[in-house]
Amino acid sequence: MPRVVVHVMPKPEILDPQGKAVAAALPRLGFEGIASVRQGKRFELEVEGEITDEVLASLREAAETLLSNPVIEDVVSIEVEDPSAKGAA
């Protein structure tokens, strides 16, 4: 079954306390040189049948109305994942 991956991130003007907490913890754990962190969401949707332009348009609408909160989040990408890459690292 084809898989579509949707990435949702907080809008740039929205505070991201989880991202700030991760950014503060990284140097304490020895990871240097990271200027900032923003934390978002990833959704994996398995789709029945072929992925057409109409299916992608419908998924974008679902992402913008249900998977994200349009007041504070942006849908930053919708990608079709290669089903043959399941075993790849």
PDB file of N, CA and C in Angstrom:
ATOM      1  N   MET A   1       0.836  -1.180   0.000  1.00  0.00           N
ATOM      2  CA  MET A   1       0.000   0.000   0.000  1.00  0.00           C
ATOM      3  C   MET A   1       0.883   1.246   0.000  1.00  0.00           C
ATOM      4  N   PRO A   2       0.566   2.213  -0.822  1.00  0.00           N
ATOM      5  CA  PRO A   2       1.348   3.450  -0.816  1.00  0.00           C
ATOM      6  C   PRO A   2       1.174   4.195   0.509  1.00  0.00           C
ATOM      7  N   ARG A   3       2.221   4.895   0.906  1.00  0.00           N
ATOM      8  CA  ARG A   3       2.190   5.662   2.148  1.00  0.00           C
ATOM      9  C   ARG A   3       2.462   7.125   1.831  1.00  0.00           C
ATOM     10  N   VAL A   4       1.680   8.001   2.460  1.00  0.00           N
ATOM     11  CA  VAL A   4       1.879   9.437   2.342  1.00  0.00           C
ATOM     12  C   VAL A   4       2.293   9.945   3.715  1.00  0.00           C
ATOM     13  N   VAL A   5       3.350  10.762   3.746  1.00  0.00           N
ATOM     14  CA  VAL A   5       3.859  11.308   4.994  1.00  0.00           C
ATOM     15  C   VAL A   5       3.563  12.803   5.023  1.00  0.00           C
ATOM     16  N   VAL A   6       2.929  13.251   6.112  1.00  0.00           N
ATOM     17  CA  VAL A   6       2.581  14.656   6.294  1.00  0.00           C
ATOM     18  C   VAL A   6       3.397  15.199   7.468  1.00  0.00           C
ATOM     19  N   HIS A   7       4.094  16.323   7.228  1.00  0.00           N
ATOM     20  CA  HIS A   7       4.868  16.976   8.276  1.00  0.00           C
ATOM     21  C   HIS A   7       4.177  18.280   8.650  1.00  0.00           C
ATOM     22  N   VAL A   8       3.957  18.462   9.956  1.00  0.00           N
ATOM     23  CA  VAL A   8       3.299  19.654  10.482  1.00  0.00           C
ATOM     24  C   VAL A   8       4.249  20.304  11.486  1.00  0.00           C
ATOM     25  N   MET A   9       4.426  21.615  11.385  1.00  0.00           N
ATOM     26  CA  MET A   9       5.304  22.350  12.293  1.00  0.00           C
ATOM     27  C   MET A   9       4.567  23.556  12.868  1.00  0.00           C
ATOM     28  N   PRO A  10       4.969  23.981  14.076  1.00  0.00           N
ATOM     29  CA  PRO A  10       4.388  25.214  14.606  1.00  0.00           C
ATOM     30  C   PRO A  10       4.740  26.378  13.684  1.00  0.00           C
ATOM     31  N   LYS A  11       3.835  27.330  13.576  1.00  0.00           N
ATOM     32  CA  LYS A  11       4.132  28.535  12.797  1.00  0.00           C
ATOM     33  C   LYS A  11       5.335  29.232  13.422  1.00  0.00           C
ATOM     34  N   PRO A  12       6.148  29.926  12.621  1.00  0.00           N
ATOM     35  CA  PRO A  12       7.373  30.546  13.145  1.00  0.00           C
ATOM     36  C   PRO A  12       7.144  31.497  14.321  1.00  0.00           C
ATOM     37  N   GLU A  13       6.013  32.166  14.348  1.00  0.00           N
ATOM     38  CA  GLU A  13       5.757  33.139  15.415  1.00  0.00           C
ATOM     39  C   GLU A  13       5.232  32.505  16.705  1.00  0.00           C
ATOM     40  N   ILE A  14       4.970  31.203  16.691  1.00  0.00           N
ATOM     41  CA  ILE A  14       4.440  30.499  17.860  1.00  0.00           C
ATOM     42  C   ILE A  14       5.598  29.981  18.710  1.00  0.00           C
ATOM     43  N   LEU A  15       5.526  30.197  20.010  1.00  0.00           N
ATOM     44  CA  LEU A  15       6.535  29.677  20.917  1.00  0.00           C
ATOM     45  C   LEU A  15       6.513  28.152  20.879  1.00  0.00           C
ATOM     46  N   ASP A  16       7.684  27.538  21.020  1.00  0.00           N
ATOM     47  CA  ASP A  16       7.812  26.085  20.968  1.00  0.00           C
ATOM     48  C   ASP A  16       8.553  25.618  22.222  1.00  0.00           C
ATOM     49  N   PRO A  17       7.841  25.459  23.357  1.00  0.00           N
ATOM     50  CA  PRO A  17       8.521  25.082  24.592  1.00  0.00           C
ATOM     51  C   PRO A  17       9.208  23.721  24.530  1.00  0.00           C
ATOM     52  N   GLN A  18       8.650  22.774  23.795  1.00  0.00           N
ATOM     53  CA  GLN A  18       9.301  21.466  23.672  1.00  0.00           C
ATOM     54  C   GLN A  18      10.610  21.597  22.898  1.00  0.00           C
ATOM     55  N   GLY A  19      10.598  22.366  21.840  1.00  0.00           N
ATOM     56  CA  GLY A  19      11.815  22.591  21.075  1.00  0.00           C
ATOM     57  C   GLY A  19      12.874  23.293  21.911  1.00  0.00           C
ATOM     58  N   LYS A  20      12.458  24.276  22.708  1.00  0.00           N
ATOM     59  CA  LYS A  20      13.405  24.988  23.581  1.00  0.00           C
ATOM     60  C   LYS A  20      14.001  24.047  24.622  1.00  0.00           C
ATOM     61  N   ALA A  21      13.189  23.151  25.178  1.00  0.00           N
ATOM     62  CA  ALA A  21      13.690  22.197  26.172  1.00  0.00           C
ATOM     63  C   ALA A  21      14.714  21.250  25.549  1.00  0.00           C
ATOM     64  N   VAL A  22      14.435  20.784  24.338  1.00  0.00           N
ATOM     65  CA  VAL A  22      15.383  19.905  23.650  1.00  0.00           C
ATOM     66  C   VAL A  22      16.664  20.670  23.336  1.00  0.00           C
ATOM     67  N   ALA A  23      16.529  21.903  22.860  1.00  0.00           N
ATOM     68  CA  ALA A  23      17.703  22.720  22.536  1.00  0.00           C
ATOM     69  C   ALA A  23      18.572  22.953  23.772  1.00  0.00           C
ATOM     70  N   ALA A  24      17.952  23.125  24.923  1.00  0.00           N
ATOM     71  CA  ALA A  24      18.714  23.333  26.162  1.00  0.00           C
ATOM     72  C   ALA A  24      19.393  22.050  26.624  1.00  0.00           C
ATOM     73  N   ALA A  25      18.773  20.902  26.367  1.00  0.00           N
ATOM     74  CA  ALA A  25      19.334  19.625  26.817  1.00  0.00           C
ATOM     75  C   ALA A  25      20.489  19.140  25.945  1.00  0.00           C
ATOM     76  N   LEU A  26      20.483  19.476  24.670  1.00  0.00           N
ATOM     77  CA  LEU A  26      21.504  18.958  23.753  1.00  0.00           C
ATOM     78  C   LEU A  26      22.934  19.269  24.197  1.00  0.00           C
ATOM     79  N   PRO A  27      23.284  20.521  24.554  1.00  0.00           N
ATOM     80  CA  PRO A  27      24.658  20.785  24.987  1.00  0.00           C
ATOM     81  C   PRO A  27      25.027  20.042  26.273  1.00  0.00           C
ATOM     82  N   ARG A  28      24.061  19.879  27.172  1.00  0.00           N
ATOM     83  CA  ARG A  28      24.329  19.137  28.406  1.00  0.00           C
ATOM     84  C   ARG A  28      24.663  17.679  28.118  1.00  0.00           C
ATOM     85  N   LEU A  29      24.170  17.171  27.000  1.00  0.00           N
ATOM     86  CA  LEU A  29      24.430  15.786  26.615  1.00  0.00           C
ATOM     87  C   LEU A  29      25.618  15.664  25.671  1.00  0.00           C
ATOM     88  N   GLY A  30      26.297  16.770  25.426  1.00  0.00           N
ATOM     89  CA  GLY A  30      27.498  16.738  24.607  1.00  0.00           C
ATOM     90  C   GLY A  30      27.292  17.032  23.136  1.00  0.00           C
ATOM     91  N   PHE A  31      26.108  17.442  22.745  1.00  0.00           N
ATOM     92  CA  PHE A  31      25.833  17.778  21.342  1.00  0.00           C
ATOM     93  C   PHE A  31      25.942  19.283  21.178  1.00  0.00           C
ATOM     94  N   GLU A  32      27.044  19.732  20.605  1.00  0.00           N
ATOM     95  CA  GLU A  32      27.328  21.165  20.470  1.00  0.00           C
ATOM     96  C   GLU A  32      27.012  21.664  19.066  1.00  0.00           C
ATOM     97  N   GLY A  33      26.869  22.968  18.936  1.00  0.00           N
ATOM     98  CA  GLY A  33      26.734  23.605  17.633  1.00  0.00           C
ATOM     99  C   GLY A  33      25.328  23.648  17.077  1.00  0.00           C
ATOM    100  N   ILE A  34      24.329  23.322  17.879  1.00  0.00           N
ATOM    101  CA  ILE A  34      22.938  23.367  17.410  1.00  0.00           C
ATOM    102  C   ILE A  34      22.336  24.677  17.899  1.00  0.00           C
ATOM    103  N   ALA A  35      21.946  25.544  16.977  1.00  0.00           N
ATOM    104  CA  ALA A  35      21.475  26.884  17.317  1.00  0.00           C
ATOM    105  C   ALA A  35      20.046  26.893  17.857  1.00  0.00           C
ATOM    106  N   SER A  36      19.171  26.071  17.295  1.00  0.00           N
ATOM    107  CA  SER A  36      17.786  26.057  17.768  1.00  0.00           C
ATOM    108  C   SER A  36      17.117  24.750  17.347  1.00  0.00           C
ATOM    109  N   VAL A  37      16.001  24.456  17.993  1.00  0.00           N
ATOM    110  CA  VAL A  37      15.231  23.243  17.697  1.00  0.00           C
ATOM    111  C   VAL A  37      13.756  23.630  17.650  1.00  0.00           C
ATOM    112  N   ARG A  38      13.047  23.130  16.659  1.00  0.00           N
ATOM    113  CA  ARG A  38      11.589  23.258  16.596  1.00  0.00           C
ATOM    114  C   ARG A  38      11.056  21.831  16.500  1.00  0.00           C
ATOM    115  N   GLN A  39      10.051  21.526  17.289  1.00  0.00           N
ATOM    116  CA  GLN A  39       9.478  20.186  17.283  1.00  0.00           C
ATOM    117  C   GLN A  39       8.139  20.209  16.573  1.00  0.00           C
ATOM    118  N   GLY A  40       7.931  19.241  15.686  1.00  0.00           N
ATOM    119  CA  GLY A  40       6.681  19.157  14.947  1.00  0.00           C
ATOM    120  C   GLY A  40       6.067  17.773  15.042  1.00  0.00           C
ATOM    121  N   LYS A  41       5.188  17.491  14.089  1.00  0.00           N
ATOM    122  CA  LYS A  41       4.486  16.210  14.060  1.00  0.00           C
ATOM    123  C   LYS A  41       4.667  15.579  12.687  1.00  0.00           C
ATOM    124  N   ARG A  42       4.679  14.251  12.667  1.00  0.00           N
ATOM    125  CA  ARG A  42       4.749  13.480  11.422  1.00  0.00           C
ATOM    126  C   ARG A  42       3.584  12.497  11.432  1.00  0.00           C
ATOM    127  N   PHE A  43       2.831  12.490  10.353  1.00  0.00           N
ATOM    128  CA  PHE A  43       1.724  11.548  10.176  1.00  0.00           C
ATOM    129  C   PHE A  43       2.046  10.648   8.995  1.00  0.00           C
ATOM    130  N   GLU A  44       1.838   9.343   9.147  1.00  0.00           N
ATOM    131  CA  GLU A  44       1.999   8.389   8.055  1.00  0.00           C
ATOM    132  C   GLU A  44       0.619   7.836   7.716  1.00  0.00           C
ATOM    133  N   LEU A  45       0.195   8.054   6.483  1.00  0.00           N
ATOM    134  CA  LEU A  45      -1.125   7.629   6.037  1.00  0.00           C
ATOM    135  C   LEU A  45      -0.967   6.577   4.952  1.00  0.00           C
ATOM    136  N   GLU A  46      -1.474   5.374   5.191  1.00  0.00           N
ATOM    137  CA  GLU A  46      -1.473   4.351   4.150  1.00  0.00           C
ATOM    138  C   GLU A  46      -2.731   4.533   3.314  1.00  0.00           C
ATOM    139  N   VAL A  47      -2.546   4.564   2.012  1.00  0.00           N
ATOM    140  CA  VAL A  47      -3.625   4.902   1.090  1.00  0.00           C
ATOM    141  C   VAL A  47      -3.997   3.675   0.267  1.00  0.00           C
ATOM    142  N   GLU A  48      -5.283   3.418   0.159  1.00  0.00           N
ATOM    143  CA  GLU A  48      -5.759   2.338  -0.692  1.00  0.00           C
ATOM    144  C   GLU A  48      -5.768   2.822  -2.132  1.00  0.00           C
ATOM    145  N   GLY A  49      -5.268   1.994  -3.023  1.00  0.00           N
ATOM    146  CA  GLY A  49      -5.284   2.350  -4.436  1.00  0.00           C
ATOM    147  C   GLY A  49      -4.126   3.253  -4.823  1.00  0.00           C
ATOM    148  N   GLU A  50      -4.246   3.822  -6.015  1.00  0.00           N
ATOM    149  CA  GLU A  50      -3.197   4.651  -6.597  1.00  0.00           C
ATOM    150  C   GLU A  50      -3.238   6.067  -6.039  1.00  0.00           C
ATOM    151  N   ILE A  51      -2.068   6.677  -5.922  1.00  0.00           N
ATOM    152  CA  ILE A  51      -1.982   8.067  -5.464  1.00  0.00           C
ATOM    153  C   ILE A  51      -2.060   8.968  -6.692  1.00  0.00           C
ATOM    154  N   THR A  52      -3.160   9.669  -6.808  1.00  0.00           N
ATOM    155  CA  THR A  52      -3.370  10.580  -7.928  1.00  0.00           C
ATOM    156  C   THR A  52      -3.320  12.015  -7.410  1.00  0.00           C
ATOM    157  N   ASP A  53      -3.370  12.966  -8.326  1.00  0.00           N
ATOM    158  CA  ASP A  53      -3.411  14.375  -7.923  1.00  0.00           C
ATOM    159  C   ASP A  53      -4.643  14.665  -7.069  1.00  0.00           C
ATOM    160  N   GLU A  54      -5.759  14.008  -7.385  1.00  0.00           N
ATOM    161  CA  GLU A  54      -6.981  14.209  -6.621  1.00  0.00           C
ATOM    162  C   GLU A  54      -6.833  13.668  -5.197  1.00  0.00           C
ATOM    163  N   VAL A  55      -6.200  12.503  -5.069  1.00  0.00           N
ATOM    164  CA  VAL A  55      -5.963  11.915  -3.746  1.00  0.00           C
ATOM    165  C   VAL A  55      -5.056  12.834  -2.933  1.00  0.00           C
ATOM    166  N   LEU A  56      -3.987  13.333  -3.556  1.00  0.00           N
ATOM    167  CA  LEU A  56      -3.085  14.244  -2.840  1.00  0.00           C
ATOM    168  C   LEU A  56      -3.787  15.524  -2.427  1.00  0.00           C
ATOM    169  N   ALA A  57      -4.650  16.055  -3.282  1.00  0.00           N
ATOM    170  CA  ALA A  57      -5.405  17.266  -2.931  1.00  0.00           C
ATOM    171  C   ALA A  57      -6.322  16.996  -1.746  1.00  0.00           C
ATOM    172  N   SER A  58      -6.959  15.835  -1.738  1.00  0.00           N
ATOM    173  CA  SER A  58      -7.835  15.466  -0.619  1.00  0.00           C
ATOM    174  C   SER A  58      -7.028  15.307   0.675  1.00  0.00           C
ATOM    175  N   LEU A  59      -5.849  14.685   0.568  1.00  0.00           N
ATOM    176  CA  LEU A  59      -4.997  14.522   1.756  1.00  0.00           C
ATOM    177  C   LEU A  59      -4.494  15.863   2.264  1.00  0.00           C
ATOM    178  N   ARG A  60      -4.174  16.793   1.355  1.00  0.00           N
ATOM    179  CA  ARG A  60      -3.750  18.130   1.784  1.00  0.00           C
ATOM    180  C   ARG A  60      -4.882  18.809   2.544  1.00  0.00           C
ATOM    181  N   GLU A  61      -6.110  18.688   2.050  1.00  0.00           N
ATOM    182  CA  GLU A  61      -7.259  19.279   2.736  1.00  0.00           C
ATOM    183  C   GLU A  61      -7.426  18.666   4.135  1.00  0.00           C
ATOM    184  N   ALA A  62      -7.282  17.330   4.224  1.00  0.00           N
ATOM    185  CA  ALA A  62      -7.371  16.664   5.526  1.00  0.00           C
ATOM    186  C   ALA A  62      -6.266  17.148   6.451  1.00  0.00           C
ATOM    187  N   ALA A  63      -5.059  17.305   5.917  1.00  0.00           N
ATOM    188  CA  ALA A  63      -3.931  17.754   6.722  1.00  0.00           C
ATOM    189  C   ALA A  63      -4.157  19.171   7.243  1.00  0.00           C
ATOM    190  N   GLU A  64      -4.712  20.021   6.409  1.00  0.00           N
ATOM    191  CA  GLU A  64      -4.911  21.421   6.795  1.00  0.00           C
ATOM    192  C   GLU A  64      -6.098  21.618   7.724  1.00  0.00           C
ATOM    193  N   THR A  65      -7.052  20.671   7.735  1.00  0.00           N
ATOM    194  CA  THR A  65      -8.239  20.849   8.571  1.00  0.00           C
ATOM    195  C   THR A  65      -8.293  19.935   9.791  1.00  0.00           C
ATOM    196  N   LEU A  66      -7.644  18.760   9.717  1.00  0.00           N
ATOM    197  CA  LEU A  66      -7.756  17.799  10.802  1.00  0.00           C
ATOM    198  C   LEU A  66      -6.414  17.471  11.458  1.00  0.00           C
ATOM    199  N   LEU A  67      -5.384  17.253  10.648  1.00  0.00           N
ATOM    200  CA  LEU A  67      -4.096  16.840  11.197  1.00  0.00           C
ATOM    201  C   LEU A  67      -3.324  18.002  11.811  1.00  0.00           C
ATOM    202  N   SER A  68      -3.632  19.203  11.423  1.00  0.00           N
ATOM    203  CA  SER A  68      -2.959  20.372  11.977  1.00  0.00           C
ATOM    204  C   SER A  68      -3.990  21.330  12.560  1.00  0.00           C
ATOM    205  N   ASN A  69      -3.505  22.188  13.434  1.00  0.00           N
ATOM    206  CA  ASN A  69      -4.329  23.283  13.943  1.00  0.00           C
ATOM    207  C   ASN A  69      -3.925  24.513  13.138  1.00  0.00           C
ATOM    208  N   PRO A  70      -4.737  24.938  12.165  1.00  0.00           N
ATOM    209  CA  PRO A  70      -4.322  26.000  11.254  1.00  0.00           C
ATOM    210  C   PRO A  70      -4.057  27.347  11.932  1.00  0.00           C
ATOM    211  N   VAL A  71      -4.490  27.520  13.158  1.00  0.00           N
ATOM    212  CA  VAL A  71      -4.228  28.765  13.878  1.00  0.00           C
ATOM    213  C   VAL A  71      -2.763  28.849  14.294  1.00  0.00           C
ATOM    214  N   ILE A  72      -2.180  27.714  14.695  1.00  0.00           N
ATOM    215  CA  ILE A  72      -0.815  27.739  15.230  1.00  0.00           C
ATOM    216  C   ILE A  72       0.176  26.857  14.483  1.00  0.00           C
ATOM    217  N   GLU A  73      -0.291  26.094  13.475  1.00  0.00           N
ATOM    218  CA  GLU A  73       0.587  25.158  12.778  1.00  0.00           C
ATOM    219  C   GLU A  73       0.468  25.305  11.263  1.00  0.00           C
ATOM    220  N   ASP A  74       1.555  24.936  10.579  1.00  0.00           N
ATOM    221  CA  ASP A  74       1.580  24.885   9.120  1.00  0.00           C
ATOM    222  C   ASP A  74       1.837  23.452   8.671  1.00  0.00           C
ATOM    223  N   VAL A  75       1.181  23.040   7.599  1.00  0.00           N
ATOM    224  CA  VAL A  75       1.531  21.783   6.936  1.00  0.00           C
ATOM    225  C   VAL A  75       2.722  22.127   6.052  1.00  0.00           C
ATOM    226  N   VAL A  76       3.896  21.594   6.388  1.00  0.00           N
ATOM    227  CA  VAL A  76       5.103  21.987   5.656  1.00  0.00           C
ATOM    228  C   VAL A  76       5.420  21.063   4.492  1.00  0.00           C
ATOM    229  N   SER A  77       4.977  19.813   4.542  1.00  0.00           N
ATOM    230  CA  SER A  77       5.194  18.939   3.392  1.00  0.00           C
ATOM    231  C   SER A  77       4.253  17.751   3.416  1.00  0.00           C
ATOM    232  N   ILE A  78       3.964  17.286   2.220  1.00  0.00           N
ATOM    233  CA  ILE A  78       3.215  16.048   2.013  1.00  0.00           C
ATOM    234  C   ILE A  78       3.997  15.276   0.967  1.00  0.00           C
ATOM    235  N   GLU A  79       4.506  14.102   1.358  1.00  0.00           N
ATOM    236  CA  GLU A  79       5.376  13.327   0.480  1.00  0.00           C
ATOM    237  C   GLU A  79       4.820  11.927   0.295  1.00  0.00           C
ATOM    238  N   VAL A  80       4.965  11.400  -0.900  1.00  0.00           N
ATOM    239  CA  VAL A  80       4.629  10.010  -1.167  1.00  0.00           C
ATOM    240  C   VAL A  80       5.895   9.204  -0.918  1.00  0.00           C
ATOM    241  N   GLU A  81       5.801   8.235   0.000  1.00  0.00           N
ATOM    242  CA  GLU A  81       6.947   7.410   0.345  1.00  0.00           C
ATOM    243  C   GLU A  81       7.026   6.233  -0.609  1.00  0.00           C
ATOM    244  N   ASP A  82       8.244   5.878  -0.999  1.00  0.00           N
ATOM    245  CA  ASP A  82       8.470   4.761  -1.904  1.00  0.00           C
ATOM    246  C   ASP A  82       8.172   3.447  -1.188  1.00  0.00           C
ATOM    247  N   PRO A  83       7.132   2.702  -1.603  1.00  0.00           N
ATOM    248  CA  PRO A  83       6.788   1.459  -0.910  1.00  0.00           C
ATOM    249  C   PRO A  83       7.882   0.398  -1.011  1.00  0.00           C
ATOM    250  N   SER A  84       8.746   0.492  -2.017  1.00  0.00           N
ATOM    251  CA  SER A  84       9.803  -0.500  -2.165  1.00  0.00           C
ATOM    252  C   SER A  84      10.968  -0.242  -1.212  1.00  0.00           C
ATOM    253  N   ALA A  85      10.950   0.901  -0.510  1.00  0.00           N
ATOM    254  CA  ALA A  85      12.052   1.256   0.398  1.00  0.00           C
ATOM    255  C   ALA A  85      11.790   0.832   1.827  1.00  0.00           C
ATOM    256  N   LYS A  86      10.791  -0.027   2.070  1.00  0.00           N
ATOM    257  CA  LYS A  86      10.436  -0.428   3.431  1.00  0.00           C
ATOM    258  C   LYS A  86      11.612  -1.019   4.204  1.00  0.00           C
ATOM    259  N   GLY A  87      12.400  -1.865   3.579  1.00  0.00           N
ATOM    260  CA  GLY A  87      13.505  -2.517   4.273  1.00  0.00           C
ATOM    261  C   GLY A  87      14.776  -1.695   4.293  1.00  0.00           C
ATOM    262  N   ALA A  88      14.783  -0.554   3.630  1.00  0.00           N
ATOM    263  CA  ALA A  88      15.995   0.270   3.561  1.00  0.00           C
ATOM    264  C   ALA A  88      16.227   0.978   4.878  1.00  0.00           C
ATOM    265  N   ALA A  89      17.489   1.218   5.203  1.00  0.00           N
ATOM    266  CA  ALA A  89      17.827   1.897   6.457  1.00  0.00           C
ATOM    267  C   ALA A  89      17.834   3.385   6.269  1.00  0.00           C
TER     268      ALA A  89
END
